[in-house]
Amino acid sequence: MTANPGDRTPRLSETIATKIEQRILEGTLKPGDRLPSERDLAAELGVSRPSLREAIQKLVAKGLLHTRERGGTQVTDRLDAHFTDAWEQMLAGHPDVHRDMLEFRALLESQAAYWAADRCTDVDIKLLDEAHAALQAQYDEAPLDDCVDADLRFHQVIAEASHNVLVSHLCASLMKVTHGHISDNLRALHPRPHRWDQLRGQHRDIWLAIRERRPEDAARATRAHIDFVRQSMEENALAGERRAVALRRSAQATPPARA
């Protein structure tokens, strides 16, 4: 009797590879993270070290892991790299794409916030509380670079709390693509206390809606936040254009130096 290919029992290494791959998909293992030592990971999974090595090689062949000599095994950014590399170039060459990117952010992140409020576990709430507290602390005390990192972390925690792996990875990719623009926007808002407080309040509204499990309010607050970001970026761009015009006029009006 011929065996049905669908009845094939997977090799142990394939099962192990699937478990590690799942951790990468769900964000437990992130790009740049190093896998535990071979001894520790084999013990954690309850498998032999030769089977674990074979599983790791399968994931290296897929491009999900990278093994360095004497440097351990790290998670690659293959799931995100092709997206981020292409769109970073597009944004650099086509500034008008920024508006489209923000529209997509509003769509994606409002849905992420909705699902996070609907699906979050107690562990997710704890992580969200920590991310929000860290962000609020950075608003008051930290250098702006640290504030940008805390802002990105807050939004990524929400994406992961949505318990949708595509949403989580897409949000992470978008944050990488727009990191520089977010940083520029925060630098422009920082000297304006009223606008800075508005930003702080928006993050608080999102945080409270999720932790109180109010999906509609979480989505609405997120859309309002992204719209605020869009308006701020447009204002900053317009102010930059006006300054450039003023500088050109000033240069034109300056009389030439005498010989």
C-alpha atoms as a PDB file:
ATOM      1  CA  MET A   1       0.000   0.000   0.000  1.00  0.00           C
ATOM      2  CA  THR A   2       1.379   3.399  -0.990  1.00  0.00           C
ATOM      3  CA  ALA A   3       1.784   5.852   1.864  1.00  0.00           C
ATOM      4  CA  ASN A   4      -0.142   9.075   1.634  1.00  0.00           C
ATOM      5  CA  PRO A   5       2.340  12.010   1.564  1.00  0.00           C
ATOM      6  CA  GLY A   6      -0.005  13.891   3.856  1.00  0.00           C
ATOM      7  CA  ASP A   7       0.415  11.178   6.499  1.00  0.00           C
ATOM      8  CA  ARG A   8       4.181  11.699   6.781  1.00  0.00           C
ATOM      9  CA  THR A   9       5.294  12.121  10.360  1.00  0.00           C
ATOM     10  CA  PRO A  10       7.488  15.225  10.586  1.00  0.00           C
ATOM     11  CA  ARG A  11      11.089  14.762  11.667  1.00  0.00           C
ATOM     12  CA  LEU A  12      11.914  15.931  15.166  1.00  0.00           C
ATOM     13  CA  SER A  13      14.130  18.689  13.763  1.00  0.00           C
ATOM     14  CA  GLU A  14      11.172  20.001  11.728  1.00  0.00           C
ATOM     15  CA  THR A  15       9.011  20.129  14.837  1.00  0.00           C
ATOM     16  CA  ILE A  16      11.748  21.988  16.706  1.00  0.00           C
ATOM     17  CA  ALA A  17      12.225  24.406  13.809  1.00  0.00           C
ATOM     18  CA  THR A  18       8.484  25.106  13.778  1.00  0.00           C
ATOM     19  CA  LYS A  19       8.537  25.951  17.496  1.00  0.00           C
ATOM     20  CA  ILE A  20      11.433  28.383  17.079  1.00  0.00           C
ATOM     21  CA  GLU A  21       9.825  29.861  13.967  1.00  0.00           C
ATOM     22  CA  GLN A  22       6.625  30.445  15.938  1.00  0.00           C
ATOM     23  CA  ARG A  23       8.580  32.438  18.523  1.00  0.00           C
ATOM     24  CA  ILE A  24       9.964  34.618  15.738  1.00  0.00           C
ATOM     25  CA  LEU A  25       6.525  35.131  14.221  1.00  0.00           C
ATOM     26  CA  GLU A  26       4.902  36.070  17.517  1.00  0.00           C
ATOM     27  CA  GLY A  27       7.710  38.470  18.427  1.00  0.00           C
ATOM     28  CA  THR A  28       9.052  36.532  21.393  1.00  0.00           C
ATOM     29  CA  LEU A  29      12.292  36.407  19.415  1.00  0.00           C
ATOM     30  CA  LYS A  30      12.961  39.697  17.631  1.00  0.00           C
ATOM     31  CA  PRO A  31      15.486  40.678  14.951  1.00  0.00           C
ATOM     32  CA  GLY A  32      18.922  40.859  16.538  1.00  0.00           C
ATOM     33  CA  ASP A  33      18.002  38.642  19.487  1.00  0.00           C
ATOM     34  CA  ARG A  34      20.451  35.856  20.222  1.00  0.00           C
ATOM     35  CA  LEU A  35      19.124  32.378  20.822  1.00  0.00           C
ATOM     36  CA  PRO A  36      19.882  30.832  24.219  1.00  0.00           C
ATOM     37  CA  SER A  37      22.922  28.589  24.301  1.00  0.00           C
ATOM     38  CA  GLU A  38      22.539  25.266  22.572  1.00  0.00           C
ATOM     39  CA  ARG A  39      22.636  23.466  25.908  1.00  0.00           C
ATOM     40  CA  ASP A  40      19.966  25.697  27.490  1.00  0.00           C
ATOM     41  CA  LEU A  41      17.640  25.729  24.473  1.00  0.00           C
ATOM     42  CA  ALA A  42      17.845  21.946  24.074  1.00  0.00           C
ATOM     43  CA  ALA A  43      16.977  21.515  27.745  1.00  0.00           C
ATOM     44  CA  GLU A  44      14.114  24.028  27.496  1.00  0.00           C
ATOM     45  CA  LEU A  45      12.608  22.236  24.494  1.00  0.00           C
ATOM     46  CA  GLY A  46      13.341  18.784  25.873  1.00  0.00           C
ATOM     47  CA  VAL A  47      15.256  17.667  22.791  1.00  0.00           C
ATOM     48  CA  SER A  48      18.732  16.442  21.933  1.00  0.00           C
ATOM     49  CA  ARG A  49      21.416  18.887  20.871  1.00  0.00           C
ATOM     50  CA  PRO A  50      21.971  17.183  17.467  1.00  0.00           C
ATOM     51  CA  SER A  51      18.241  17.557  16.672  1.00  0.00           C
ATOM     52  CA  LEU A  52      18.349  21.189  17.776  1.00  0.00           C
ATOM     53  CA  ARG A  53      21.389  21.861  15.564  1.00  0.00           C
ATOM     54  CA  GLU A  54      19.574  20.370  12.590  1.00  0.00           C
ATOM     55  CA  ALA A  55      16.524  22.556  13.301  1.00  0.00           C
ATOM     56  CA  ILE A  56      18.670  25.671  13.542  1.00  0.00           C
ATOM     57  CA  GLN A  57      20.323  24.876  10.217  1.00  0.00           C
ATOM     58  CA  LYS A  58      16.879  24.609   8.611  1.00  0.00           C
ATOM     59  CA  LEU A  59      16.031  28.112   9.858  1.00  0.00           C
ATOM     60  CA  VAL A  60      19.435  29.417   8.764  1.00  0.00           C
ATOM     61  CA  ALA A  61      18.679  28.068   5.282  1.00  0.00           C
ATOM     62  CA  LYS A  62      15.329  29.919   5.372  1.00  0.00           C
ATOM     63  CA  GLY A  63      17.141  33.119   6.268  1.00  0.00           C
ATOM     64  CA  LEU A  64      15.378  33.493   9.631  1.00  0.00           C
ATOM     65  CA  LEU A  65      18.499  32.798  11.695  1.00  0.00           C
ATOM     66  CA  HIS A  66      22.149  33.694  11.219  1.00  0.00           C
ATOM     67  CA  THR A  67      24.968  31.806  12.896  1.00  0.00           C
ATOM     68  CA  ARG A  68      28.184  33.639  13.679  1.00  0.00           C
ATOM     69  CA  GLU A  69      31.401  31.901  14.512  1.00  0.00           C
ATOM     70  CA  ARG A  70      31.862  32.304  18.278  1.00  0.00           C
ATOM     71  CA  GLY A  71      28.971  34.767  18.206  1.00  0.00           C
ATOM     72  CA  GLY A  72      26.033  32.448  18.707  1.00  0.00           C
ATOM     73  CA  THR A  73      22.887  32.355  16.588  1.00  0.00           C
ATOM     74  CA  GLN A  74      20.810  35.481  16.019  1.00  0.00           C
ATOM     75  CA  VAL A  75      17.403  36.222  14.566  1.00  0.00           C
ATOM     76  CA  THR A  76      17.625  38.052  11.241  1.00  0.00           C
ATOM     77  CA  ASP A  77      15.308  40.800  10.022  1.00  0.00           C
ATOM     78  CA  ARG A  78      14.296  38.886   6.900  1.00  0.00           C
ATOM     79  CA  LEU A  79      10.563  39.219   7.632  1.00  0.00           C
ATOM     80  CA  ASP A  80      10.874  43.004   7.657  1.00  0.00           C
ATOM     81  CA  ALA A  81      13.970  43.900   5.620  1.00  0.00           C
ATOM     82  CA  HIS A  82      12.543  43.831   2.092  1.00  0.00           C
ATOM     83  CA  PHE A  83       9.621  46.025   3.172  1.00  0.00           C
ATOM     84  CA  THR A  84      11.697  48.570   5.074  1.00  0.00           C
ATOM     85  CA  ASP A  85      14.552  48.869   2.573  1.00  0.00           C
ATOM     86  CA  ALA A  86      12.224  49.556  -0.359  1.00  0.00           C
ATOM     87  CA  TRP A  87       9.962  52.008   1.449  1.00  0.00           C
ATOM     88  CA  GLU A  88      12.789  53.946   3.081  1.00  0.00           C
ATOM     89  CA  GLN A  89      14.075  54.677  -0.421  1.00  0.00           C
ATOM     90  CA  MET A  90      10.612  55.609  -1.642  1.00  0.00           C
ATOM     91  CA  LEU A  91      10.048  58.015   1.243  1.00  0.00           C
ATOM     92  CA  ALA A  92      13.422  59.635   0.670  1.00  0.00           C
ATOM     93  CA  GLY A  93      12.692  60.223  -3.012  1.00  0.00           C
ATOM     94  CA  HIS A  94       8.992  60.990  -2.807  1.00  0.00           C
ATOM     95  CA  PRO A  95       8.016  63.138   0.200  1.00  0.00           C
ATOM     96  CA  ASP A  96       4.346  63.055  -0.818  1.00  0.00           C
ATOM     97  CA  VAL A  97       4.307  59.364   0.091  1.00  0.00           C
ATOM     98  CA  HIS A  98       4.523  60.423   3.761  1.00  0.00           C
ATOM     99  CA  ARG A  99       0.819  61.275   3.763  1.00  0.00           C
ATOM    100  CA  ASP A 100      -0.054  57.868   2.358  1.00  0.00           C
ATOM    101  CA  MET A 101       2.165  56.228   4.958  1.00  0.00           C
ATOM    102  CA  LEU A 102       0.376  58.067   7.760  1.00  0.00           C
ATOM    103  CA  GLU A 103      -3.009  57.067   6.361  1.00  0.00           C
ATOM    104  CA  PHE A 104      -1.856  53.460   6.395  1.00  0.00           C
ATOM    105  CA  ARG A 105      -0.514  53.866   9.932  1.00  0.00           C
ATOM    106  CA  ALA A 106      -3.904  55.162  11.053  1.00  0.00           C
ATOM    107  CA  LEU A 107      -5.625  52.188   9.469  1.00  0.00           C
ATOM    108  CA  LEU A 108      -3.208  49.599  10.839  1.00  0.00           C
ATOM    109  CA  GLU A 109      -2.601  51.009  14.303  1.00  0.00           C
ATOM    110  CA  SER A 110      -6.238  51.806  15.035  1.00  0.00           C
ATOM    111  CA  GLN A 111      -7.110  48.194  14.235  1.00  0.00           C
ATOM    112  CA  ALA A 112      -4.192  47.027  16.369  1.00  0.00           C
ATOM    113  CA  ALA A 113      -5.452  49.133  19.267  1.00  0.00           C
ATOM    114  CA  TYR A 114      -8.990  47.781  18.781  1.00  0.00           C
ATOM    115  CA  TRP A 115      -7.796  44.193  18.882  1.00  0.00           C
ATOM    116  CA  ALA A 116      -5.426  44.904  21.779  1.00  0.00           C
ATOM    117  CA  ALA A 117      -8.321  46.259  23.848  1.00  0.00           C
ATOM    118  CA  ASP A 118     -10.425  43.270  22.877  1.00  0.00           C
ATOM    119  CA  ARG A 119      -7.807  40.514  23.223  1.00  0.00           C
ATOM    120  CA  CYS A 120      -5.175  41.684  25.701  1.00  0.00           C
ATOM    121  CA  THR A 121      -4.153  39.405  28.549  1.00  0.00           C
ATOM    122  CA  ASP A 122      -3.043  40.417  32.027  1.00  0.00           C
ATOM    123  CA  VAL A 123       0.555  40.044  30.834  1.00  0.00           C
ATOM    124  CA  ASP A 124      -0.123  42.376  27.898  1.00  0.00           C
ATOM    125  CA  ILE A 125      -1.613  44.958  30.268  1.00  0.00           C
ATOM    126  CA  LYS A 126       1.480  44.752  32.476  1.00  0.00           C
ATOM    127  CA  LEU A 127       3.770  45.316  29.476  1.00  0.00           C
ATOM    128  CA  LEU A 128       1.571  48.171  28.260  1.00  0.00           C
ATOM    129  CA  ASP A 129       1.579  49.808  31.698  1.00  0.00           C
ATOM    130  CA  GLU A 130       5.372  49.595  31.783  1.00  0.00           C
ATOM    131  CA  ALA A 131       5.726  51.011  28.264  1.00  0.00           C
ATOM    132  CA  HIS A 132       3.352  53.889  29.015  1.00  0.00           C
ATOM    133  CA  ALA A 133       5.069  54.704  32.328  1.00  0.00           C
ATOM    134  CA  ALA A 134       8.456  54.708  30.577  1.00  0.00           C
ATOM    135  CA  LEU A 135       7.117  56.997  27.857  1.00  0.00           C
ATOM    136  CA  GLN A 136       5.645  59.452  30.351  1.00  0.00           C
ATOM    137  CA  ALA A 137       8.932  59.542  32.251  1.00  0.00           C
ATOM    138  CA  GLN A 138      10.849  60.245  29.038  1.00  0.00           C
ATOM    139  CA  TYR A 139       8.568  63.185  28.229  1.00  0.00           C
ATOM    140  CA  ASP A 140       9.771  64.928  31.367  1.00  0.00           C
ATOM    141  CA  GLU A 141      13.400  64.017  31.771  1.00  0.00           C
ATOM    142  CA  ALA A 142      15.108  62.152  28.958  1.00  0.00           C
ATOM    143  CA  PRO A 143      16.930  63.268  25.808  1.00  0.00           C
ATOM    144  CA  LEU A 144      14.675  63.321  22.756  1.00  0.00           C
ATOM    145  CA  ASP A 145      16.349  60.258  21.249  1.00  0.00           C
ATOM    146  CA  ASP A 146      15.255  58.264  24.291  1.00  0.00           C
ATOM    147  CA  CYS A 147      11.768  59.727  24.000  1.00  0.00           C
ATOM    148  CA  VAL A 148      11.541  58.568  20.379  1.00  0.00           C
ATOM    149  CA  ASP A 149      12.566  55.057  21.385  1.00  0.00           C
ATOM    150  CA  ALA A 150       9.996  55.000  24.192  1.00  0.00           C
ATOM    151  CA  ASP A 151       7.296  56.266  21.805  1.00  0.00           C
ATOM    152  CA  LEU A 152       8.064  53.504  19.304  1.00  0.00           C
ATOM    153  CA  ARG A 153       8.156  50.899  22.057  1.00  0.00           C
ATOM    154  CA  PHE A 154       4.720  51.966  23.328  1.00  0.00           C
ATOM    155  CA  HIS A 155       3.137  51.563  19.901  1.00  0.00           C
ATOM    156  CA  GLN A 156       4.875  48.244  19.296  1.00  0.00           C
ATOM    157  CA  VAL A 157       3.621  46.822  22.598  1.00  0.00           C
ATOM    158  CA  ILE A 158       0.093  47.681  21.454  1.00  0.00           C
ATOM    159  CA  ALA A 159       0.682  45.933  18.126  1.00  0.00           C
ATOM    160  CA  GLU A 160       1.909  42.820  19.901  1.00  0.00           C
ATOM    161  CA  ALA A 161      -1.080  42.903  22.261  1.00  0.00           C
ATOM    162  CA  SER A 162      -3.334  42.626  19.192  1.00  0.00           C
ATOM    163  CA  HIS A 163      -2.246  38.973  18.988  1.00  0.00           C
ATOM    164  CA  ASN A 164      -2.030  39.162  15.211  1.00  0.00           C
ATOM    165  CA  VAL A 165       1.461  38.319  13.930  1.00  0.00           C
ATOM    166  CA  LEU A 166       1.060  40.242  10.659  1.00  0.00           C
ATOM    167  CA  VAL A 167      -0.058  43.373  12.475  1.00  0.00           C
ATOM    168  CA  SER A 168       2.878  43.063  14.856  1.00  0.00           C
ATOM    169  CA  HIS A 169       5.474  42.694  12.097  1.00  0.00           C
ATOM    170  CA  LEU A 170       3.953  45.343   9.841  1.00  0.00           C
ATOM    171  CA  CYS A 171       3.851  47.847  12.696  1.00  0.00           C
ATOM    172  CA  ALA A 172       7.496  47.110  13.513  1.00  0.00           C
ATOM    173  CA  SER A 173       8.423  47.649   9.864  1.00  0.00           C
ATOM    174  CA  LEU A 174       6.485  50.905   9.653  1.00  0.00           C
ATOM    175  CA  MET A 175       8.192  52.223  12.762  1.00  0.00           C
ATOM    176  CA  LYS A 176      11.599  51.517  11.224  1.00  0.00           C
ATOM    177  CA  VAL A 177      10.626  53.263   8.013  1.00  0.00           C
ATOM    178  CA  THR A 178       9.213  56.342   9.747  1.00  0.00           C
ATOM    179  CA  HIS A 179      11.696  56.534  12.649  1.00  0.00           C
ATOM    180  CA  GLY A 180      13.467  59.594  11.294  1.00  0.00           C
ATOM    181  CA  HIS A 181      10.226  61.451  10.610  1.00  0.00           C
ATOM    182  CA  ILE A 182       8.871  60.655  14.067  1.00  0.00           C
ATOM    183  CA  SER A 183      12.112  61.953  15.564  1.00  0.00           C
ATOM    184  CA  ASP A 184      11.926  65.187  13.543  1.00  0.00           C
ATOM    185  CA  ASN A 185       8.300  65.691  14.551  1.00  0.00           C
ATOM    186  CA  LEU A 186       9.022  65.231  18.259  1.00  0.00           C
ATOM    187  CA  ARG A 187      11.909  67.687  18.033  1.00  0.00           C
ATOM    188  CA  ALA A 188       9.573  70.259  16.505  1.00  0.00           C
ATOM    189  CA  LEU A 189       6.867  69.683  19.139  1.00  0.00           C
ATOM    190  CA  HIS A 190       9.173  69.620  22.161  1.00  0.00           C
ATOM    191  CA  PRO A 191       9.677  73.420  22.410  1.00  0.00           C
ATOM    192  CA  ARG A 192       5.891  73.942  22.289  1.00  0.00           C
ATOM    193  CA  PRO A 193       4.526  72.952  25.729  1.00  0.00           C
ATOM    194  CA  HIS A 194       0.864  72.983  24.691  1.00  0.00           C
ATOM    195  CA  ARG A 195       1.445  70.670  21.739  1.00  0.00           C
ATOM    196  CA  TRP A 196       3.766  68.475  23.814  1.00  0.00           C
ATOM    197  CA  ASP A 197       1.038  68.084  26.442  1.00  0.00           C
ATOM    198  CA  GLN A 198      -1.457  67.194  23.724  1.00  0.00           C
ATOM    199  CA  LEU A 199       0.837  64.402  22.586  1.00  0.00           C
ATOM    200  CA  ARG A 200       1.176  63.132  26.137  1.00  0.00           C
ATOM    201  CA  GLY A 201      -2.609  63.172  26.576  1.00  0.00           C
ATOM    202  CA  GLN A 202      -3.176  61.244  23.351  1.00  0.00           C
ATOM    203  CA  HIS A 203      -0.933  58.417  24.478  1.00  0.00           C
ATOM    204  CA  ARG A 204      -2.687  58.375  27.828  1.00  0.00           C
ATOM    205  CA  ASP A 205      -6.093  58.113  26.117  1.00  0.00           C
ATOM    206  CA  ILE A 206      -4.905  55.145  24.034  1.00  0.00           C
ATOM    207  CA  TRP A 207      -3.361  53.442  27.071  1.00  0.00           C
ATOM    208  CA  LEU A 208      -6.470  53.829  29.233  1.00  0.00           C
ATOM    209  CA  ALA A 209      -8.852  52.657  26.498  1.00  0.00           C
ATOM    210  CA  ILE A 210      -6.847  49.476  25.972  1.00  0.00           C
ATOM    211  CA  ARG A 211      -6.265  48.614  29.606  1.00  0.00           C
ATOM    212  CA  GLU A 212      -9.958  49.271  30.349  1.00  0.00           C
ATOM    213  CA  ARG A 213     -10.869  47.051  27.376  1.00  0.00           C
ATOM    214  CA  ARG A 214     -12.752  49.664  25.353  1.00  0.00           C
ATOM    215  CA  PRO A 215     -11.976  48.679  21.728  1.00  0.00           C
ATOM    216  CA  GLU A 216     -13.926  51.421  19.949  1.00  0.00           C
ATOM    217  CA  ASP A 217     -12.416  54.134  22.130  1.00  0.00           C
ATOM    218  CA  ALA A 218      -8.920  52.677  21.639  1.00  0.00           C
ATOM    219  CA  ALA A 219      -9.296  52.754  17.859  1.00  0.00           C
ATOM    220  CA  ARG A 220     -10.761  56.286  17.936  1.00  0.00           C
ATOM    221  CA  ALA A 221      -7.971  57.604  20.176  1.00  0.00           C
ATOM    222  CA  THR A 222      -5.331  56.067  17.910  1.00  0.00           C
ATOM    223  CA  ARG A 223      -6.827  57.634  14.781  1.00  0.00           C
ATOM    224  CA  ALA A 224      -6.916  61.010  16.544  1.00  0.00           C
ATOM    225  CA  HIS A 225      -3.258  60.604  17.507  1.00  0.00           C
ATOM    226  CA  ILE A 226      -2.120  59.762  13.973  1.00  0.00           C
ATOM    227  CA  ASP A 227      -4.157  62.676  12.606  1.00  0.00           C
ATOM    228  CA  PHE A 228      -2.405  64.967  15.111  1.00  0.00           C
ATOM    229  CA  VAL A 229       0.958  63.622  13.922  1.00  0.00           C
ATOM    230  CA  ARG A 230      -0.015  64.245  10.288  1.00  0.00           C
ATOM    231  CA  GLN A 231      -1.083  67.821  11.014  1.00  0.00           C
ATOM    232  CA  SER A 232       2.105  68.469  12.982  1.00  0.00           C
ATOM    233  CA  MET A 233       4.312  67.152  10.189  1.00  0.00           C
ATOM    234  CA  GLU A 234       2.495  69.295   7.627  1.00  0.00           C
ATOM    235  CA  GLU A 235       2.901  72.359   9.859  1.00  0.00           C
ATOM    236  CA  ASN A 236       6.606  71.607  10.283  1.00  0.00           C
ATOM    237  CA  ALA A 237       7.079  71.215   6.527  1.00  0.00           C
ATOM    238  CA  LEU A 238       5.265  74.480   5.843  1.00  0.00           C
ATOM    239  CA  ALA A 239       7.321  76.305   8.477  1.00  0.00           C
ATOM    240  CA  GLY A 240      10.486  74.932   6.888  1.00  0.00           C
ATOM    241  CA  GLU A 241       9.442  76.152   3.461  1.00  0.00           C
ATOM    242  CA  ARG A 242       8.651  79.625   4.818  1.00  0.00           C
ATOM    243  CA  ARG A 243      12.042  79.788   6.531  1.00  0.00           C
ATOM    244  CA  ALA A 244      13.805  78.759   3.331  1.00  0.00           C
ATOM    245  CA  VAL A 245      11.984  81.499   1.390  1.00  0.00           C
ATOM    246  CA  ALA A 246      12.836  84.074   4.047  1.00  0.00           C
ATOM    247  CA  LEU A 247      16.508  83.066   3.965  1.00  0.00           C
ATOM    248  CA  ARG A 248      16.614  83.403   0.171  1.00  0.00           C
ATOM    249  CA  ARG A 249      15.047  86.863   0.379  1.00  0.00           C
ATOM    250  CA  SER A 250      17.514  87.848   3.076  1.00  0.00           C
ATOM    251  CA  ALA A 251      20.444  86.684   0.983  1.00  0.00           C
ATOM    252  CA  GLN A 252      19.112  88.552  -2.066  1.00  0.00           C
ATOM    253  CA  ALA A 253      18.614  91.743  -0.071  1.00  0.00           C
ATOM    254  CA  THR A 254      22.138  91.750   1.374  1.00  0.00           C
ATOM    255  CA  PRO A 255      24.248  94.267  -0.559  1.00  0.00           C
ATOM    256  CA  PRO A 256      27.383  92.843  -2.180  1.00  0.00           C
ATOM    257  CA  ALA A 257      30.620  93.407  -0.317  1.00  0.00           C
ATOM    258  CA  ARG A 258      32.778  96.279  -1.614  1.00  0.00           C
ATOM    259  CA  ALA A 259      35.937  95.372  -3.444  1.00  0.00           C
END
